[in-house]
Amino acid sequence: MKYLAAYLLIAQGGVESPSATEIKNVLEAVGVEAEDSKIQALLTSLEGKTIQELVAEGQTKLASVPAGGASGAAAASGAAGASAEEEKEEEKEEEKEESDDDMGFGLFD
């Protein structure tokens, strides 16, 4: 990911196809040790693609990832039911804690 980020930063700076040396320089400037093999693998996978194509491809991949609100009303009703159960459990725990106070033991006794 850091190699891709460096590549995109250089591309945003106006260089159409960043070189391995440029990517390595960016990474080393921020204190990251760059591996030449990973840089070469990135460059071969991105060869012939524009930034716009890469972004579009990434967006289609992200579209297939499920998000938190995907189940809609079912999730909302399930959450409401779960929160009601949690409240009941908390009330029971509070009652239990209150009953422990009657044991006759105090912090400073």
C-alpha atoms as a PDB file:
ATOM      1  CA  MET A   1       0.000   0.000   0.000  1.00  0.00           C
ATOM      2  CA  LYS A   2       2.825   2.386   0.836  1.00  0.00           C
ATOM      3  CA  TYR A   3       4.345   1.797  -2.594  1.00  0.00           C
ATOM      4  CA  LEU A   4       1.062   2.581  -4.302  1.00  0.00           C
ATOM      5  CA  ALA A   5       0.636   5.692  -2.154  1.00  0.00           C
ATOM      6  CA  ALA A   6       4.089   6.922  -3.177  1.00  0.00           C
ATOM      7  CA  TYR A   7       3.281   6.186  -6.828  1.00  0.00           C
ATOM      8  CA  LEU A   8       0.034   8.165  -6.602  1.00  0.00           C
ATOM      9  CA  LEU A   9       1.733  11.092  -4.853  1.00  0.00           C
ATOM     10  CA  ILE A  10       4.300  11.326  -7.607  1.00  0.00           C
ATOM     11  CA  ALA A  11       1.587  11.046 -10.256  1.00  0.00           C
ATOM     12  CA  GLN A  12      -0.372  13.847  -8.567  1.00  0.00           C
ATOM     13  CA  GLY A  13       2.805  15.915  -8.788  1.00  0.00           C
ATOM     14  CA  GLY A  14       2.581  15.780 -12.556  1.00  0.00           C
ATOM     15  CA  VAL A  15       4.711  12.761 -13.510  1.00  0.00           C
ATOM     16  CA  GLU A  16       2.697  10.454 -15.792  1.00  0.00           C
ATOM     17  CA  SER A  17       4.631   7.271 -15.068  1.00  0.00           C
ATOM     18  CA  PRO A  18       6.789   7.443 -11.946  1.00  0.00           C
ATOM     19  CA  SER A  19      10.043   5.495 -11.962  1.00  0.00           C
ATOM     20  CA  ALA A  20      11.327   3.078  -9.357  1.00  0.00           C
ATOM     21  CA  THR A  21      13.932   5.627  -8.278  1.00  0.00           C
ATOM     22  CA  GLU A  22      11.292   8.308  -7.718  1.00  0.00           C
ATOM     23  CA  ILE A  23       9.138   5.938  -5.656  1.00  0.00           C
ATOM     24  CA  LYS A  24      12.145   4.854  -3.596  1.00  0.00           C
ATOM     25  CA  ASN A  25      13.127   8.503  -2.988  1.00  0.00           C
ATOM     26  CA  VAL A  26       9.636   9.383  -1.733  1.00  0.00           C
ATOM     27  CA  LEU A  27       9.524   6.417   0.625  1.00  0.00           C
ATOM     28  CA  GLU A  28      13.001   7.025   1.993  1.00  0.00           C
ATOM     29  CA  ALA A  29      12.183  10.719   2.494  1.00  0.00           C
ATOM     30  CA  VAL A  30       9.584   9.716   5.082  1.00  0.00           C
ATOM     31  CA  GLY A  31      11.785   7.101   6.721  1.00  0.00           C
ATOM     32  CA  VAL A  32      10.418   3.960   5.063  1.00  0.00           C
ATOM     33  CA  GLU A  33      12.838   1.324   3.818  1.00  0.00           C
ATOM     34  CA  ALA A  34      11.906   0.562   0.219  1.00  0.00           C
ATOM     35  CA  GLU A  35      12.282  -2.902  -1.315  1.00  0.00           C
ATOM     36  CA  ASP A  36      13.219  -2.847  -4.991  1.00  0.00           C
ATOM     37  CA  SER A  37      11.371  -6.107  -5.693  1.00  0.00           C
ATOM     38  CA  LYS A  38       8.078  -4.697  -4.405  1.00  0.00           C
ATOM     39  CA  ILE A  39       8.531  -1.490  -6.379  1.00  0.00           C
ATOM     40  CA  GLN A  40       9.168  -3.485  -9.552  1.00  0.00           C
ATOM     41  CA  ALA A  41       6.107  -5.670  -8.889  1.00  0.00           C
ATOM     42  CA  LEU A  42       3.982  -2.532  -8.492  1.00  0.00           C
ATOM     43  CA  LEU A  43       5.329  -0.957 -11.656  1.00  0.00           C
ATOM     44  CA  THR A  44       4.686  -4.098 -13.707  1.00  0.00           C
ATOM     45  CA  SER A  45       1.120  -4.387 -12.388  1.00  0.00           C
ATOM     46  CA  LEU A  46       0.411  -0.719 -13.183  1.00  0.00           C
ATOM     47  CA  GLU A  47       2.144  -0.698 -16.564  1.00  0.00           C
ATOM     48  CA  GLY A  48      -0.020   0.831 -19.285  1.00  0.00           C
ATOM     49  CA  LYS A  49      -2.727   2.058 -16.883  1.00  0.00           C
ATOM     50  CA  THR A  50      -3.662   5.645 -16.124  1.00  0.00           C
ATOM     51  CA  ILE A  51      -4.547   6.987 -12.691  1.00  0.00           C
ATOM     52  CA  GLN A  52      -8.168   7.395 -13.793  1.00  0.00           C
ATOM     53  CA  GLU A  53      -8.333   3.740 -14.837  1.00  0.00           C
ATOM     54  CA  LEU A  54      -6.851   2.640 -11.509  1.00  0.00           C
ATOM     55  CA  VAL A  55      -9.347   4.700  -9.520  1.00  0.00           C
ATOM     56  CA  ALA A  56     -12.282   3.414 -11.566  1.00  0.00           C
ATOM     57  CA  GLU A  57     -11.086  -0.176 -11.106  1.00  0.00           C
ATOM     58  CA  GLY A  58     -10.723   0.363  -7.359  1.00  0.00           C
ATOM     59  CA  GLN A  59     -14.221   1.816  -7.089  1.00  0.00           C
ATOM     60  CA  THR A  60     -15.756  -1.213  -8.789  1.00  0.00           C
ATOM     61  CA  LYS A  61     -13.906  -3.485  -6.366  1.00  0.00           C
ATOM     62  CA  LEU A  62     -15.091  -1.444  -3.383  1.00  0.00           C
ATOM     63  CA  ALA A  63     -18.677  -1.554  -4.620  1.00  0.00           C
ATOM     64  CA  SER A  64     -18.724  -5.313  -4.000  1.00  0.00           C
ATOM     65  CA  VAL A  65     -17.672  -4.919  -0.351  1.00  0.00           C
ATOM     66  CA  PRO A  66     -20.630  -5.072   2.051  1.00  0.00           C
ATOM     67  CA  ALA A  67     -21.196  -1.966   4.151  1.00  0.00           C
ATOM     68  CA  GLY A  68     -22.668  -1.533   7.640  1.00  0.00           C
ATOM     69  CA  GLY A  69     -26.119  -0.403   6.500  1.00  0.00           C
ATOM     70  CA  ALA A  70     -26.655  -3.107   3.933  1.00  0.00           C
ATOM     71  CA  SER A  71     -29.463  -4.947   5.698  1.00  0.00           C
ATOM     72  CA  GLY A  72     -31.540  -1.823   6.359  1.00  0.00           C
ATOM     73  CA  ALA A  73     -34.651  -2.253   8.485  1.00  0.00           C
ATOM     74  CA  ALA A  74     -33.730  -5.756   9.607  1.00  0.00           C
ATOM     75  CA  ALA A  75     -30.531  -4.477  11.169  1.00  0.00           C
ATOM     76  CA  ALA A  76     -32.338  -1.563  12.804  1.00  0.00           C
ATOM     77  CA  SER A  77     -35.004  -3.774  14.340  1.00  0.00           C
ATOM     78  CA  GLY A  78     -32.377  -6.271  15.454  1.00  0.00           C
ATOM     79  CA  ALA A  79     -30.351  -3.494  17.048  1.00  0.00           C
ATOM     80  CA  ALA A  80     -33.409  -2.122  18.832  1.00  0.00           C
ATOM     81  CA  GLY A  81     -34.216  -5.555  20.213  1.00  0.00           C
ATOM     82  CA  ALA A  82     -30.633  -6.084  21.289  1.00  0.00           C
ATOM     83  CA  SER A  83     -30.466  -2.715  23.026  1.00  0.00           C
ATOM     84  CA  ALA A  84     -33.678  -3.447  24.941  1.00  0.00           C
ATOM     85  CA  GLU A  85     -32.184  -6.741  26.121  1.00  0.00           C
ATOM     86  CA  GLU A  86     -28.974  -4.980  27.132  1.00  0.00           C
ATOM     87  CA  GLU A  87     -30.959  -2.453  29.180  1.00  0.00           C
ATOM     88  CA  LYS A  88     -32.750  -5.261  31.017  1.00  0.00           C
ATOM     89  CA  GLU A  89     -29.437  -6.950  31.744  1.00  0.00           C
ATOM     90  CA  GLU A  90     -27.950  -3.677  33.000  1.00  0.00           C
ATOM     91  CA  GLU A  91     -30.933  -3.158  35.312  1.00  0.00           C
ATOM     92  CA  LYS A  92     -30.489  -6.656  36.730  1.00  0.00           C
ATOM     93  CA  GLU A  93     -26.772  -6.010  37.263  1.00  0.00           C
ATOM     94  CA  GLU A  94     -27.524  -2.711  39.022  1.00  0.00           C
ATOM     95  CA  GLU A  95     -30.034  -4.426  41.317  1.00  0.00           C
ATOM     96  CA  LYS A  96     -27.481  -7.116  42.061  1.00  0.00           C
ATOM     97  CA  GLU A  97     -24.804  -4.510  42.839  1.00  0.00           C
ATOM     98  CA  GLU A  98     -27.200  -2.649  45.132  1.00  0.00           C
ATOM     99  CA  SER A  99     -27.989  -5.817  47.042  1.00  0.00           C
ATOM    100  CA  ASP A 100     -24.260  -6.346  47.650  1.00  0.00           C
ATOM    101  CA  ASP A 101     -24.188  -3.079  49.642  1.00  0.00           C
ATOM    102  CA  ASP A 102     -26.198  -4.728  52.428  1.00  0.00           C
ATOM    103  CA  MET A 103     -23.508  -7.273  53.242  1.00  0.00           C
ATOM    104  CA  GLY A 104     -22.079  -5.131  56.019  1.00  0.00           C
ATOM    105  CA  PHE A 105     -18.675  -4.640  54.514  1.00  0.00           C
ATOM    106  CA  GLY A 106     -17.485  -1.090  53.984  1.00  0.00           C
ATOM    107  CA  LEU A 107     -14.408   0.242  52.328  1.00  0.00           C
ATOM    108  CA  PHE A 108     -13.204   2.054  55.435  1.00  0.00           C
ATOM    109  CA  ASP A 109     -14.501  -0.274  58.206  1.00  0.00           C
END
